[in-house]
Amino acid sequence: MTFIVRVSVPEDSNAVSSLLLKSYSQLLRQAYEASVLERALPLITKARPDLLGSGSYYVAETGSGLIVGAGGWTRHSPTGRDDTPTNGNIRHFATDPDYARKGVGRSLMAQCIEEASKAGLAELNCY
């Protein structure tokens, strides 16, 4: 399967939200009780405009334009704590279940690590 990893843009919002819903509702099913997912999914499956336009959030896109993965990094913690000059945070990762185990997540993570390192970060946290 071929895909490219590119920087996201605000216009990716609907596609990323659809991806987050499809990914999280299927791939998190084994890790969480159904009642927990039912309450959490509406909160965690909306694309974040601040991330989409940050320059450090990426999408994996097939040649036909289908977004099959998304994820990025930020300097600032989503919790508002633990910020240091050399650490950052992995943010809002997802892979389309139909494309799982095909290198999509690995490619997105490699992009994050490379770009965060260029920005001077030595550590990336994931909440």
N, C-alpha and C. Protein backbone atom coordinates (compact mmCIF):
# COMPACT_ATOMS: atom_id res chain seq x y z
N MET A 1 0.84 -1.18 0.00
CA MET A 1 0.00 0.00 0.00
C MET A 1 0.89 1.24 0.00
N THR A 2 0.53 2.20 -0.82
CA THR A 2 1.30 3.43 -0.85
C THR A 2 0.48 4.56 -0.26
N PHE A 3 1.18 5.43 0.46
CA PHE A 3 0.58 6.61 1.04
C PHE A 3 1.69 7.63 1.25
N ILE A 4 1.30 8.86 1.41
CA ILE A 4 2.27 9.90 1.75
C ILE A 4 1.90 10.45 3.12
N VAL A 5 2.88 10.96 3.82
CA VAL A 5 2.65 11.67 5.07
C VAL A 5 2.87 13.14 4.75
N ARG A 6 1.88 13.95 5.08
CA ARG A 6 1.98 15.38 4.83
C ARG A 6 1.48 16.15 6.04
N VAL A 7 1.85 17.42 6.10
CA VAL A 7 1.36 18.29 7.16
C VAL A 7 -0.14 18.51 6.95
N SER A 8 -0.88 18.43 8.01
CA SER A 8 -2.33 18.64 7.92
C SER A 8 -2.65 20.11 7.70
N VAL A 9 -3.86 20.34 7.22
CA VAL A 9 -4.39 21.69 7.04
C VAL A 9 -5.79 21.73 7.64
N PRO A 10 -6.28 22.91 7.98
CA PRO A 10 -7.63 22.98 8.57
C PRO A 10 -8.71 22.31 7.74
N GLU A 11 -8.55 22.29 6.43
CA GLU A 11 -9.56 21.67 5.56
C GLU A 11 -9.63 20.15 5.72
N ASP A 12 -8.69 19.57 6.44
CA ASP A 12 -8.72 18.12 6.72
C ASP A 12 -9.65 17.77 7.87
N SER A 13 -10.28 18.75 8.46
CA SER A 13 -11.05 18.55 9.68
C SER A 13 -12.09 17.43 9.58
N ASN A 14 -12.94 17.44 8.58
CA ASN A 14 -13.99 16.42 8.48
C ASN A 14 -13.40 15.03 8.27
N ALA A 15 -12.39 14.93 7.42
CA ALA A 15 -11.77 13.62 7.16
C ALA A 15 -11.08 13.09 8.41
N VAL A 16 -10.40 13.96 9.14
CA VAL A 16 -9.71 13.51 10.36
C VAL A 16 -10.73 13.12 11.42
N SER A 17 -11.80 13.89 11.57
CA SER A 17 -12.84 13.52 12.54
C SER A 17 -13.44 12.16 12.20
N SER A 18 -13.71 11.91 10.94
CA SER A 18 -14.25 10.60 10.53
C SER A 18 -13.26 9.49 10.82
N LEU A 19 -11.99 9.75 10.56
CA LEU A 19 -10.95 8.77 10.85
C LEU A 19 -10.88 8.48 12.35
N LEU A 20 -10.88 9.52 13.18
CA LEU A 20 -10.81 9.33 14.63
C LEU A 20 -11.98 8.48 15.13
N LEU A 21 -13.18 8.77 14.64
CA LEU A 21 -14.35 7.99 15.06
C LEU A 21 -14.23 6.53 14.64
N LYS A 22 -13.87 6.29 13.38
CA LYS A 22 -13.74 4.92 12.89
C LYS A 22 -12.65 4.18 13.66
N SER A 23 -11.51 4.82 13.83
CA SER A 23 -10.38 4.18 14.49
C SER A 23 -10.67 3.89 15.95
N TYR A 24 -11.05 4.91 16.69
CA TYR A 24 -11.22 4.74 18.13
C TYR A 24 -12.38 3.82 18.47
N SER A 25 -13.48 3.90 17.71
CA SER A 25 -14.62 3.05 18.04
C SER A 25 -14.32 1.58 17.78
N GLN A 26 -13.43 1.28 16.85
CA GLN A 26 -13.09 -0.12 16.57
C GLN A 26 -11.84 -0.57 17.33
N LEU A 27 -10.78 0.20 17.27
CA LEU A 27 -9.51 -0.27 17.82
C LEU A 27 -9.40 -0.14 19.34
N LEU A 28 -10.22 0.70 19.95
CA LEU A 28 -10.20 0.81 21.41
C LEU A 28 -11.21 -0.10 22.09
N ARG A 29 -12.02 -0.78 21.30
CA ARG A 29 -13.09 -1.62 21.83
C ARG A 29 -12.60 -2.67 22.82
N GLN A 30 -11.45 -3.27 22.54
CA GLN A 30 -10.93 -4.31 23.43
C GLN A 30 -10.30 -3.75 24.69
N ALA A 31 -9.92 -2.48 24.68
CA ALA A 31 -9.22 -1.90 25.82
C ALA A 31 -10.15 -1.23 26.84
N TYR A 32 -11.36 -0.89 26.41
CA TYR A 32 -12.28 -0.15 27.29
C TYR A 32 -13.66 -0.78 27.28
N GLU A 33 -14.34 -0.63 28.38
CA GLU A 33 -15.72 -1.11 28.46
C GLU A 33 -16.59 -0.29 27.52
N ALA A 34 -17.63 -0.89 27.01
CA ALA A 34 -18.52 -0.22 26.06
C ALA A 34 -19.10 1.07 26.64
N SER A 35 -19.46 1.06 27.92
CA SER A 35 -20.06 2.26 28.53
C SER A 35 -19.05 3.41 28.60
N VAL A 36 -17.78 3.10 28.79
CA VAL A 36 -16.74 4.13 28.83
C VAL A 36 -16.55 4.72 27.43
N LEU A 37 -16.46 3.85 26.43
CA LEU A 37 -16.31 4.33 25.06
C LEU A 37 -17.50 5.17 24.62
N GLU A 38 -18.68 4.76 25.00
CA GLU A 38 -19.88 5.49 24.61
C GLU A 38 -19.83 6.94 25.10
N ARG A 39 -19.32 7.13 26.31
CA ARG A 39 -19.20 8.48 26.86
C ARG A 39 -18.00 9.23 26.29
N ALA A 40 -16.92 8.52 26.02
CA ALA A 40 -15.68 9.17 25.60
C ALA A 40 -15.65 9.53 24.12
N LEU A 41 -16.20 8.69 23.26
CA LEU A 41 -16.08 8.91 21.82
C LEU A 41 -16.51 10.30 21.35
N PRO A 42 -17.64 10.84 21.84
CA PRO A 42 -18.00 12.18 21.37
C PRO A 42 -16.97 13.25 21.75
N LEU A 43 -16.21 13.00 22.79
CA LEU A 43 -15.22 13.97 23.25
C LEU A 43 -13.87 13.84 22.56
N ILE A 44 -13.53 12.64 22.13
CA ILE A 44 -12.18 12.40 21.60
C ILE A 44 -12.11 12.21 20.09
N THR A 45 -13.23 12.31 19.41
CA THR A 45 -13.22 12.03 17.98
C THR A 45 -13.45 13.27 17.12
N LYS A 46 -13.26 14.41 17.67
CA LYS A 46 -13.37 15.65 16.89
C LYS A 46 -11.96 16.14 16.58
N ALA A 47 -11.70 16.42 15.31
CA ALA A 47 -10.41 16.98 14.93
C ALA A 47 -10.23 18.32 15.63
N ARG A 48 -9.03 18.57 16.08
CA ARG A 48 -8.71 19.80 16.80
C ARG A 48 -8.15 20.84 15.83
N PRO A 49 -8.86 21.95 15.60
CA PRO A 49 -8.37 22.97 14.67
C PRO A 49 -6.97 23.48 15.02
N ASP A 50 -6.68 23.60 16.31
CA ASP A 50 -5.36 24.08 16.70
C ASP A 50 -4.27 23.10 16.30
N LEU A 51 -4.55 21.81 16.36
CA LEU A 51 -3.57 20.81 15.92
C LEU A 51 -3.46 20.78 14.40
N LEU A 52 -4.60 20.81 13.71
CA LEU A 52 -4.59 20.74 12.25
C LEU A 52 -3.79 21.87 11.62
N GLY A 53 -3.78 23.02 12.24
CA GLY A 53 -3.06 24.17 11.71
C GLY A 53 -1.73 24.44 12.37
N SER A 54 -1.26 23.50 13.19
CA SER A 54 -0.05 23.75 13.99
C SER A 54 1.26 23.60 13.21
N GLY A 55 1.23 22.86 12.10
CA GLY A 55 2.46 22.57 11.38
C GLY A 55 3.18 21.35 11.92
N SER A 56 2.70 20.80 13.03
CA SER A 56 3.32 19.60 13.60
C SER A 56 2.30 18.48 13.78
N TYR A 57 1.25 18.53 13.00
CA TYR A 57 0.24 17.48 12.96
C TYR A 57 0.20 16.99 11.52
N TYR A 58 0.14 15.69 11.32
CA TYR A 58 0.32 15.09 10.01
C TYR A 58 -0.82 14.14 9.68
N VAL A 59 -1.03 13.94 8.40
CA VAL A 59 -1.97 12.92 7.94
C VAL A 59 -1.26 12.01 6.97
N ALA A 60 -1.68 10.75 6.96
CA ALA A 60 -1.23 9.78 5.96
C ALA A 60 -2.35 9.68 4.95
N GLU A 61 -2.02 9.91 3.69
CA GLU A 61 -3.03 10.00 2.65
C GLU A 61 -2.67 9.07 1.50
N THR A 62 -3.65 8.30 1.04
CA THR A 62 -3.43 7.41 -0.10
C THR A 62 -3.41 8.24 -1.39
N GLY A 63 -3.01 7.61 -2.45
CA GLY A 63 -2.98 8.27 -3.75
C GLY A 63 -4.34 8.77 -4.21
N SER A 64 -5.40 8.15 -3.71
CA SER A 64 -6.74 8.58 -4.08
C SER A 64 -7.28 9.68 -3.16
N GLY A 65 -6.45 10.13 -2.20
CA GLY A 65 -6.86 11.22 -1.31
C GLY A 65 -7.51 10.79 -0.02
N LEU A 66 -7.58 9.49 0.25
CA LEU A 66 -8.18 9.00 1.49
C LEU A 66 -7.20 9.15 2.64
N ILE A 67 -7.64 9.80 3.72
CA ILE A 67 -6.79 9.94 4.91
C ILE A 67 -6.95 8.67 5.75
N VAL A 68 -5.84 7.94 5.92
CA VAL A 68 -5.86 6.65 6.61
C VAL A 68 -5.10 6.68 7.94
N GLY A 69 -4.56 7.83 8.29
CA GLY A 69 -3.87 7.97 9.56
C GLY A 69 -3.67 9.44 9.87
N ALA A 70 -3.53 9.73 11.16
CA ALA A 70 -3.29 11.10 11.59
C ALA A 70 -2.59 11.07 12.94
N GLY A 71 -1.81 12.09 13.19
CA GLY A 71 -1.15 12.22 14.48
C GLY A 71 -0.09 13.29 14.42
N GLY A 72 0.29 13.78 15.58
CA GLY A 72 1.29 14.84 15.61
C GLY A 72 1.90 15.01 16.97
N TRP A 73 2.56 16.15 17.14
CA TRP A 73 3.24 16.46 18.39
C TRP A 73 3.11 17.96 18.66
N THR A 74 3.21 18.32 19.91
CA THR A 74 3.25 19.72 20.31
C THR A 74 4.27 19.88 21.42
N ARG A 75 4.76 21.08 21.57
CA ARG A 75 5.64 21.39 22.70
C ARG A 75 4.86 21.37 24.01
N HIS A 76 3.64 21.88 23.93
CA HIS A 76 2.86 22.04 25.16
C HIS A 76 2.03 20.80 25.46
N SER A 77 1.96 20.48 26.72
CA SER A 77 1.20 19.33 27.20
C SER A 77 -0.29 19.61 27.09
N PRO A 78 -1.08 18.60 26.72
CA PRO A 78 -2.53 18.80 26.71
C PRO A 78 -3.07 19.00 28.12
N THR A 79 -2.30 18.63 29.13
CA THR A 79 -2.75 18.81 30.51
C THR A 79 -2.38 20.18 31.06
N GLY A 80 -1.49 20.90 30.34
CA GLY A 80 -1.05 22.21 30.83
C GLY A 80 0.04 22.13 31.89
N ARG A 81 0.59 20.92 32.11
CA ARG A 81 1.66 20.74 33.10
C ARG A 81 2.86 20.10 32.43
N ASP A 82 3.94 20.06 33.16
CA ASP A 82 5.12 19.31 32.79
C ASP A 82 5.82 19.80 31.52
N ASP A 83 5.62 21.05 31.13
CA ASP A 83 6.34 21.58 29.97
C ASP A 83 7.78 21.89 30.36
N THR A 84 8.71 21.48 29.51
CA THR A 84 10.11 21.85 29.67
C THR A 84 10.63 22.23 28.29
N PRO A 85 11.79 22.87 28.22
CA PRO A 85 12.32 23.26 26.90
C PRO A 85 12.67 22.08 25.99
N THR A 86 12.84 20.88 26.55
CA THR A 86 13.28 19.75 25.73
C THR A 86 12.29 18.61 25.63
N ASN A 87 11.09 18.77 26.19
CA ASN A 87 10.11 17.69 26.03
C ASN A 87 8.87 18.19 25.32
N GLY A 88 8.22 17.28 24.62
CA GLY A 88 6.98 17.59 23.92
C GLY A 88 6.00 16.47 24.12
N ASN A 89 4.93 16.48 23.35
CA ASN A 89 3.85 15.53 23.56
C ASN A 89 3.29 15.02 22.25
N ILE A 90 3.07 13.71 22.20
CA ILE A 90 2.41 13.07 21.06
C ILE A 90 0.93 13.38 21.18
N ARG A 91 0.29 13.70 20.03
CA ARG A 91 -1.09 14.17 20.09
C ARG A 91 -1.99 13.47 19.08
N HIS A 92 -3.16 13.07 19.51
CA HIS A 92 -4.33 12.65 18.74
C HIS A 92 -4.00 11.72 17.55
N PHE A 93 -3.38 10.58 17.86
CA PHE A 93 -2.99 9.60 16.85
C PHE A 93 -4.14 8.66 16.52
N ALA A 94 -4.24 8.28 15.27
CA ALA A 94 -5.24 7.28 14.86
C ALA A 94 -4.83 6.68 13.52
N THR A 95 -5.21 5.43 13.34
CA THR A 95 -5.04 4.74 12.06
C THR A 95 -6.37 4.12 11.68
N ASP A 96 -6.72 4.21 10.42
CA ASP A 96 -7.92 3.56 9.91
C ASP A 96 -7.76 2.06 10.14
N PRO A 97 -8.72 1.40 10.79
CA PRO A 97 -8.59 -0.04 11.05
C PRO A 97 -8.36 -0.87 9.79
N ASP A 98 -8.85 -0.42 8.65
CA ASP A 98 -8.64 -1.14 7.40
C ASP A 98 -7.19 -1.05 6.92
N TYR A 99 -6.42 -0.14 7.49
CA TYR A 99 -5.02 0.07 7.10
C TYR A 99 -4.06 -0.19 8.25
N ALA A 100 -4.56 -0.78 9.33
CA ALA A 100 -3.71 -1.09 10.48
C ALA A 100 -2.66 -2.13 10.08
N ARG A 101 -1.50 -2.04 10.71
CA ARG A 101 -0.38 -2.96 10.48
C ARG A 101 0.17 -2.91 9.06
N LYS A 102 0.10 -1.70 8.48
CA LYS A 102 0.64 -1.50 7.14
C LYS A 102 1.66 -0.37 7.11
N GLY A 103 2.12 0.05 8.30
CA GLY A 103 3.16 1.06 8.37
C GLY A 103 2.67 2.49 8.51
N VAL A 104 1.37 2.69 8.56
CA VAL A 104 0.82 4.04 8.65
C VAL A 104 1.22 4.71 9.97
N GLY A 105 0.91 4.08 11.08
CA GLY A 105 1.25 4.64 12.39
C GLY A 105 2.75 4.81 12.57
N ARG A 106 3.51 3.83 12.11
CA ARG A 106 4.97 3.89 12.21
C ARG A 106 5.51 5.09 11.43
N SER A 107 4.98 5.32 10.25
CA SER A 107 5.43 6.45 9.43
C SER A 107 5.08 7.79 10.08
N LEU A 108 3.88 7.88 10.63
CA LEU A 108 3.48 9.10 11.32
C LEU A 108 4.37 9.36 12.54
N MET A 109 4.64 8.31 13.31
CA MET A 109 5.47 8.47 14.50
C MET A 109 6.90 8.86 14.10
N ALA A 110 7.43 8.26 13.05
CA ALA A 110 8.78 8.61 12.58
C ALA A 110 8.83 10.08 12.19
N GLN A 111 7.79 10.57 11.52
CA GLN A 111 7.73 11.99 11.14
C GLN A 111 7.73 12.87 12.38
N CYS A 112 6.95 12.49 13.38
CA CYS A 112 6.89 13.25 14.63
C CYS A 112 8.26 13.29 15.32
N ILE A 113 8.88 12.14 15.44
CA ILE A 113 10.18 12.07 16.11
C ILE A 113 11.22 12.90 15.37
N GLU A 114 11.26 12.79 14.06
CA GLU A 114 12.24 13.54 13.26
C GLU A 114 12.04 15.05 13.40
N GLU A 115 10.80 15.50 13.24
CA GLU A 115 10.54 16.94 13.29
C GLU A 115 10.68 17.50 14.71
N ALA A 116 10.26 16.75 15.72
CA ALA A 116 10.43 17.21 17.10
C ALA A 116 11.91 17.30 17.45
N SER A 117 12.68 16.35 16.99
CA SER A 117 14.12 16.39 17.23
C SER A 117 14.75 17.62 16.57
N LYS A 118 14.36 17.91 15.33
CA LYS A 118 14.86 19.11 14.65
C LYS A 118 14.50 20.38 15.41
N ALA A 119 13.36 20.35 16.12
CA ALA A 119 12.90 21.50 16.89
C ALA A 119 13.56 21.57 18.27
N GLY A 120 14.48 20.63 18.56
CA GLY A 120 15.21 20.68 19.81
C GLY A 120 14.64 19.86 20.95
N LEU A 121 13.65 19.03 20.65
CA LEU A 121 13.06 18.21 21.72
C LEU A 121 13.84 16.90 21.84
N ALA A 122 14.02 16.46 23.07
CA ALA A 122 14.73 15.21 23.33
C ALA A 122 13.80 14.11 23.82
N GLU A 123 12.57 14.48 24.16
CA GLU A 123 11.63 13.52 24.74
C GLU A 123 10.22 13.86 24.28
N LEU A 124 9.45 12.82 23.96
CA LEU A 124 8.03 13.00 23.63
C LEU A 124 7.21 12.14 24.58
N ASN A 125 6.25 12.77 25.25
CA ASN A 125 5.37 12.07 26.17
C ASN A 125 4.05 11.77 25.46
N CYS A 126 3.36 10.77 25.96
CA CYS A 126 2.05 10.42 25.42
C CYS A 126 1.10 10.17 26.59
N TYR A 127 0.01 10.91 26.63
CA TYR A 127 -0.96 10.74 27.72
C TYR A 127 -2.09 9.86 27.27
